[in-house]
Amino acid sequence: MADRKRRWGDRKDGYRVRNLDSMHVIAPLIMPNRTDNEAVMTETIDITALNKYLEKKNYEGIDFKYTFFHVILAALAKTVVLRPRMNRFYVGPKLFDRKDIIFSFVVKKQFEDDAHEALALVKIEPDSDVSPIEQIYSKVKKFVCSVRRENKQDKTSDIMDALVTKLPSPILRFVFKVLHWLDYHGHYPSFLMTEDPYFSTAFISNLGSIKMKANYHHLANWGTNSFFVIVGEKHKKAFPTEDGGVEWKEVIDLGLTIDERIADGVYFAKSLKIFRELIANPELLEKNIKEDVETGDKK
């Protein structure tokens, strides 16, 4: 999002949305919690074109492979740039445009029961000349290599270990009440906000990487995250053909949970069309992130 002049009522991480219609004014008063306003959608996506695209990207000898997770993140990034209301959030009764596009996700250091997890936060640069797929790929590669090969821990875990493991429970509860009050009034500490995955545009869980199937994850009343995405495991699905037969194609299931107050159903539907178009034609992710995507609909 382009920088806007800060006005009274804005936050360090968002600009206050003013001149709202009555529905957006009333909605947070009727149902004030983010978890009260979950809109849940599921998408089954044909990844035939995506698989061919990845075959081209993963040339022989490449040290860190492109995956469908990178493509999904890049498609989400471009969708949010083109559909900025997907990057809104409520704090109390107030609606805000988030200043940055930030994705958060969990990286498992090793696929073992006792292995530690690291929280990644990736910031998208809308004004960069680097394509969305290359932005995502380079940022994810840098983080994954640091936590797996160099055995480093993410800053979020460092902060939580220092806070949670050192304080008695009564004091810890008081600390979180204070933090919640600070967030409500726009004074949440920046050093915590920039490392907290619940202050991101979208939290993405790649369950397919651990061979799990799921299509729903709740939102949280903590932080400002209005969008949760679950990426399921690849599997085969039968599609009808014109001659009355079936064709088996590889697909993945996505579970999308969104705070329905940030936009209306028509806006969500058009945003999903852009996302589907990008997955069906992943070469579009090689272009500038701000370049329009034709879906047959006008904004």
Protein backbone atom coordinates (compact mmCIF):
# COMPACT_ATOMS: atom_id res chain seq x y z
CA MET A 1 0.00 0.00 0.00
CA ALA A 2 1.30 3.42 -0.95
CA ASP A 3 2.14 5.65 2.01
CA ARG A 4 -0.63 8.00 3.00
CA LYS A 5 -0.45 11.01 5.24
CA ARG A 6 -1.08 9.94 8.80
CA ARG A 7 -4.19 11.40 10.40
CA TRP A 8 -5.66 11.44 13.89
CA GLY A 9 -7.08 7.98 14.63
CA ASP A 10 -4.61 6.06 12.45
CA ARG A 11 -2.40 3.34 13.91
CA LYS A 12 1.27 2.62 13.40
CA ASP A 13 0.26 -0.43 11.33
CA GLY A 14 -2.90 0.87 9.67
CA TYR A 15 -4.89 3.81 8.33
CA ARG A 16 -8.39 4.38 9.72
CA VAL A 17 -11.10 3.73 7.14
CA ARG A 18 -13.52 6.63 7.28
CA ASN A 19 -16.91 7.35 5.69
CA LEU A 20 -18.12 3.79 6.25
CA ASP A 21 -21.59 2.62 5.28
CA SER A 22 -24.02 1.76 8.06
CA MET A 23 -23.41 -2.00 7.81
CA HIS A 24 -19.68 -1.64 8.50
CA VAL A 25 -20.43 0.69 11.40
CA ILE A 26 -23.01 -1.62 12.99
CA ALA A 27 -21.32 -5.00 12.37
CA PRO A 28 -18.54 -4.65 14.99
CA LEU A 29 -21.09 -3.42 17.53
CA ILE A 30 -23.37 -6.42 17.03
CA MET A 31 -20.54 -8.97 16.88
CA PRO A 32 -17.41 -7.34 18.31
CA ASN A 33 -15.04 -10.31 18.22
CA ARG A 34 -13.17 -11.44 15.11
CA THR A 35 -14.05 -15.06 15.86
CA ASP A 36 -17.75 -14.14 15.77
CA ASN A 37 -17.42 -13.07 12.14
CA GLU A 38 -15.69 -15.98 10.44
CA ALA A 39 -16.63 -16.62 6.81
CA VAL A 40 -15.35 -20.06 5.80
CA MET A 41 -14.72 -21.07 2.20
CA THR A 42 -13.12 -24.12 0.60
CA GLU A 43 -11.45 -24.27 -2.79
CA THR A 44 -10.33 -27.32 -4.74
CA ILE A 45 -7.74 -26.22 -7.27
CA ASP A 46 -6.57 -28.09 -10.34
CA ILE A 47 -2.76 -27.89 -10.23
CA THR A 48 -2.03 -29.39 -13.65
CA ALA A 49 -0.65 -26.10 -14.99
CA LEU A 50 1.09 -25.41 -11.69
CA ASN A 51 2.95 -28.75 -11.87
CA LYS A 52 4.17 -27.97 -15.41
CA TYR A 53 5.27 -24.52 -14.28
CA LEU A 54 7.26 -25.98 -11.37
CA GLU A 55 8.95 -28.46 -13.70
CA LYS A 56 10.30 -25.52 -15.71
CA LYS A 57 11.40 -23.61 -12.61
CA ASN A 58 13.15 -26.54 -10.95
CA TYR A 59 16.00 -27.03 -13.37
CA GLU A 60 18.55 -29.76 -12.71
CA GLY A 61 20.95 -28.92 -9.89
CA ILE A 62 18.83 -26.20 -8.25
CA ASP A 63 19.67 -26.17 -4.54
CA PHE A 64 16.30 -24.96 -3.19
CA LYS A 65 13.28 -26.06 -5.18
CA TYR A 66 10.25 -23.99 -6.04
CA THR A 67 7.10 -25.57 -4.58
CA PHE A 68 3.36 -25.10 -4.96
CA PHE A 69 3.47 -23.37 -1.55
CA HIS A 70 5.62 -20.62 -3.06
CA VAL A 71 3.16 -20.24 -5.94
CA ILE A 72 0.18 -20.05 -3.57
CA LEU A 73 1.90 -17.38 -1.46
CA ALA A 74 2.82 -15.41 -4.56
CA ALA A 75 -0.75 -15.66 -5.89
CA LEU A 76 -2.09 -14.47 -2.53
CA ALA A 77 0.38 -11.57 -2.55
CA LYS A 78 -0.66 -10.40 -6.01
CA THR A 79 -4.34 -10.84 -5.15
CA VAL A 80 -4.00 -8.68 -2.04
CA VAL A 81 -2.12 -5.98 -3.98
CA LEU A 82 -4.89 -5.87 -6.58
CA ARG A 83 -7.69 -6.25 -4.00
CA PRO A 84 -6.53 -4.10 -1.04
CA ARG A 85 -9.67 -4.57 1.06
CA MET A 86 -8.43 -8.11 1.69
CA ASN A 87 -5.75 -6.43 3.79
CA ARG A 88 -8.11 -4.69 6.21
CA PHE A 89 -8.66 -5.39 9.89
CA TYR A 90 -10.89 -4.36 12.78
CA VAL A 91 -9.71 -3.30 16.20
CA GLY A 92 -12.76 -2.86 18.36
CA PRO A 93 -15.36 -0.95 16.29
CA LYS A 94 -12.76 0.67 14.02
CA LEU A 95 -11.77 -0.55 10.55
CA PHE A 96 -8.24 -0.04 9.21
CA ASP A 97 -6.29 -0.45 5.97
CA ARG A 98 -3.12 -2.32 6.87
CA LYS A 99 0.00 -0.42 5.83
CA ASP A 100 2.03 -3.49 4.82
CA ILE A 101 1.36 -6.88 3.26
CA ILE A 102 2.79 -9.51 5.59
CA PHE A 103 2.37 -13.28 5.44
CA SER A 104 3.13 -15.54 8.39
CA PHE A 105 3.61 -19.30 8.48
CA VAL A 106 5.30 -22.04 10.47
CA VAL A 107 8.48 -23.82 9.43
CA LYS A 108 9.25 -27.19 10.99
CA LYS A 109 12.99 -27.52 11.51
CA GLN A 110 12.77 -31.30 11.19
CA PHE A 111 9.81 -33.60 10.54
CA GLU A 112 10.02 -35.22 13.98
CA ASP A 113 7.71 -35.14 16.99
CA ASP A 114 10.09 -33.19 19.21
CA ALA A 115 11.49 -30.87 16.56
CA HIS A 116 11.07 -27.15 17.19
CA GLU A 117 8.92 -24.91 15.00
CA ALA A 118 9.91 -21.49 13.75
CA LEU A 119 7.51 -18.68 12.85
CA ALA A 120 8.23 -16.86 9.61
CA LEU A 121 6.94 -13.40 8.69
CA VAL A 122 7.44 -12.38 5.07
CA LYS A 123 6.84 -8.79 3.97
CA ILE A 124 5.79 -8.17 0.37
CA GLU A 125 7.19 -5.16 -1.50
CA PRO A 126 4.44 -3.87 -3.85
CA ASP A 127 6.72 -1.24 -5.40
CA SER A 128 9.54 -3.66 -6.17
CA ASP A 129 10.44 -4.58 -9.75
CA VAL A 130 10.99 -8.14 -8.55
CA SER A 131 8.10 -10.41 -9.53
CA PRO A 132 5.85 -11.83 -6.78
CA ILE A 133 7.09 -15.41 -7.30
CA GLU A 134 10.74 -14.35 -6.99
CA GLN A 135 10.01 -12.17 -3.97
CA ILE A 136 8.38 -15.07 -2.17
CA TYR A 137 10.97 -17.62 -3.26
CA SER A 138 13.97 -15.56 -2.13
CA LYS A 139 12.44 -14.53 1.20
CA VAL A 140 11.24 -18.05 2.08
CA LYS A 141 14.56 -19.58 1.02
CA LYS A 142 16.50 -17.16 3.21
CA PHE A 143 14.36 -17.88 6.26
CA VAL A 144 14.15 -21.67 5.84
CA CYS A 145 17.90 -21.99 5.30
CA SER A 146 18.61 -19.91 8.40
CA VAL A 147 16.43 -22.01 10.72
CA ARG A 148 17.23 -25.45 9.25
CA ARG A 149 20.84 -25.27 8.19
CA GLU A 150 22.21 -22.67 10.59
CA ASN A 151 19.93 -23.87 13.41
CA LYS A 152 18.80 -20.34 14.24
CA GLN A 153 15.60 -19.56 16.08
CA ASP A 154 13.14 -16.95 14.87
CA LYS A 155 12.77 -13.69 16.80
CA THR A 156 9.15 -14.49 17.70
CA SER A 157 10.20 -17.65 19.52
CA ASP A 158 13.03 -15.79 21.26
CA ILE A 159 10.59 -13.19 22.59
CA MET A 160 8.04 -15.80 23.67
CA ASP A 161 10.69 -17.95 25.39
CA ALA A 162 11.96 -14.94 27.30
CA LEU A 163 8.46 -13.83 28.30
CA VAL A 164 6.42 -16.98 28.82
CA THR A 165 8.98 -19.20 30.52
CA LYS A 166 10.25 -16.59 32.96
CA LEU A 167 7.10 -15.03 34.40
CA PRO A 168 4.67 -16.53 36.95
CA SER A 169 1.16 -17.16 35.61
CA PRO A 170 -0.59 -14.27 37.47
CA ILE A 171 1.97 -11.77 36.19
CA LEU A 172 1.83 -13.25 32.71
CA ARG A 173 -1.97 -12.85 32.60
CA PHE A 174 -1.59 -9.24 33.71
CA VAL A 175 1.06 -8.59 31.05
CA PHE A 176 -1.23 -9.88 28.31
CA LYS A 177 -4.14 -7.78 29.58
CA VAL A 178 -1.89 -4.73 29.35
CA LEU A 179 -0.74 -5.72 25.86
CA HIS A 180 -4.34 -6.20 24.75
CA TRP A 181 -5.24 -2.74 26.12
CA LEU A 182 -2.25 -1.22 24.34
CA ASP A 183 -3.27 -2.83 21.06
CA TYR A 184 -6.86 -1.64 21.39
CA HIS A 185 -5.66 1.94 21.84
CA GLY A 186 -3.01 1.73 19.09
CA HIS A 187 0.04 1.65 21.36
CA TYR A 188 1.14 -1.99 21.00
CA PRO A 189 4.98 -2.08 21.06
CA SER A 190 6.48 -2.09 17.57
CA PHE A 191 9.20 -4.59 18.47
CA LEU A 192 6.48 -7.12 19.38
CA MET A 193 4.14 -6.26 16.51
CA THR A 194 6.77 -6.82 13.81
CA GLU A 195 7.47 -10.33 15.12
CA ASP A 196 3.93 -11.42 16.01
CA PRO A 197 2.29 -13.63 13.31
CA TYR A 198 -1.16 -12.50 14.45
CA PHE A 199 -0.36 -8.99 13.23
CA SER A 200 -0.08 -10.14 9.62
CA THR A 201 -2.24 -9.95 6.52
CA ALA A 202 -2.67 -13.71 6.36
CA PHE A 203 -1.54 -16.69 8.40
CA ILE A 204 -0.88 -19.66 6.11
CA SER A 205 -0.63 -23.25 7.34
CA ASN A 206 0.88 -25.72 4.88
CA LEU A 207 -0.64 -28.92 6.24
CA GLY A 208 0.04 -30.70 2.96
CA SER A 209 3.75 -30.72 3.81
CA ILE A 210 3.01 -33.01 6.75
CA LYS A 211 0.43 -35.13 4.86
CA MET A 212 -2.60 -33.73 6.67
CA LYS A 213 -6.04 -32.86 5.38
CA ALA A 214 -8.09 -30.01 6.84
CA ASN A 215 -10.24 -27.18 5.50
CA TYR A 216 -10.75 -24.89 8.49
CA HIS A 217 -8.75 -22.96 11.04
CA HIS A 218 -10.25 -20.38 13.35
CA LEU A 219 -9.24 -16.75 13.47
CA ALA A 220 -8.06 -15.17 16.73
CA ASN A 221 -9.25 -12.19 18.74
CA TRP A 222 -5.63 -11.41 19.48
CA GLY A 223 -3.83 -9.12 17.04
CA THR A 224 -5.15 -7.93 13.68
CA ASN A 225 -5.02 -11.00 11.44
CA SER A 226 -8.25 -11.21 9.38
CA PHE A 227 -7.33 -14.03 7.01
CA PHE A 228 -6.26 -17.65 7.63
CA VAL A 229 -5.37 -20.05 4.82
CA ILE A 230 -4.91 -23.81 5.07
CA VAL A 231 -3.10 -25.60 2.25
CA GLY A 232 -4.00 -29.28 2.09
CA GLU A 233 -2.27 -32.32 0.67
CA LYS A 234 -2.11 -32.97 -3.06
CA HIS A 235 -4.48 -35.68 -4.25
CA LYS A 236 -6.31 -36.96 -7.33
CA LYS A 237 -9.86 -35.94 -8.23
CA ALA A 238 -12.15 -37.04 -11.06
CA PHE A 239 -13.38 -34.35 -13.47
CA PRO A 240 -16.17 -34.98 -16.00
CA THR A 241 -15.26 -34.84 -19.71
CA GLU A 242 -17.41 -33.76 -22.64
CA ASP A 243 -17.87 -37.36 -23.83
CA GLY A 244 -19.39 -38.39 -20.50
CA GLY A 245 -16.26 -39.94 -19.04
CA VAL A 246 -13.96 -38.76 -16.28
CA GLU A 247 -10.42 -37.45 -16.18
CA TRP A 248 -8.31 -37.75 -13.06
CA LYS A 249 -6.32 -34.63 -12.22
CA GLU A 250 -4.07 -33.66 -9.35
CA VAL A 251 -5.60 -31.04 -7.05
CA ILE A 252 -5.07 -29.38 -3.71
CA ASP A 253 -7.72 -28.22 -1.26
CA LEU A 254 -7.56 -24.78 0.32
CA GLY A 255 -9.45 -23.70 3.41
CA LEU A 256 -10.02 -19.94 3.72
CA THR A 257 -11.26 -18.28 6.89
CA ILE A 258 -11.91 -14.54 6.61
CA ASP A 259 -13.32 -11.86 8.89
CA GLU A 260 -16.45 -11.16 6.84
CA ARG A 261 -16.67 -7.57 8.12
CA ILE A 262 -13.64 -6.35 6.12
CA ALA A 263 -15.48 -6.53 2.76
CA ASP A 264 -18.67 -7.85 1.19
CA GLY A 265 -19.38 -11.13 -0.57
CA VAL A 266 -19.04 -9.69 -4.07
CA TYR A 267 -15.58 -8.34 -3.23
CA PHE A 268 -14.49 -11.72 -1.82
CA ALA A 269 -15.84 -13.54 -4.90
CA LYS A 270 -13.98 -11.30 -7.35
CA SER A 271 -10.80 -11.64 -5.30
CA LEU A 272 -11.07 -15.42 -5.44
CA LYS A 273 -11.46 -15.27 -9.24
CA ILE A 274 -8.16 -13.43 -9.49
CA PHE A 275 -6.50 -15.97 -7.21
CA ARG A 276 -7.85 -18.89 -9.28
CA GLU A 277 -6.65 -17.26 -12.50
CA LEU A 278 -3.15 -16.90 -11.08
CA ILE A 279 -3.00 -20.54 -10.02
CA ALA A 280 -4.34 -21.67 -13.41
CA ASN A 281 -1.78 -19.44 -15.19
CA PRO A 282 1.23 -19.24 -12.84
CA GLU A 283 3.34 -17.50 -15.53
CA LEU A 284 1.38 -14.37 -14.57
CA LEU A 285 3.34 -14.40 -11.31
CA GLU A 286 6.48 -13.58 -13.30
CA LYS A 287 5.01 -10.17 -14.14
CA ASN A 288 4.90 -7.03 -12.04
CA ILE A 289 2.83 -7.53 -8.91
CA LYS A 290 0.66 -4.49 -9.73
CA GLU A 291 -0.21 -5.62 -13.26
CA ASP A 292 -3.92 -6.32 -13.64
CA VAL A 293 -5.25 -9.84 -14.10
CA GLU A 294 -8.08 -10.39 -16.56
CA THR A 295 -10.88 -12.61 -15.24
CA GLY A 296 -13.79 -11.37 -17.32
CA ASP A 297 -15.02 -9.16 -14.45
CA LYS A 298 -14.59 -5.48 -13.82
CA LYS A 299 -13.61 -4.27 -10.34
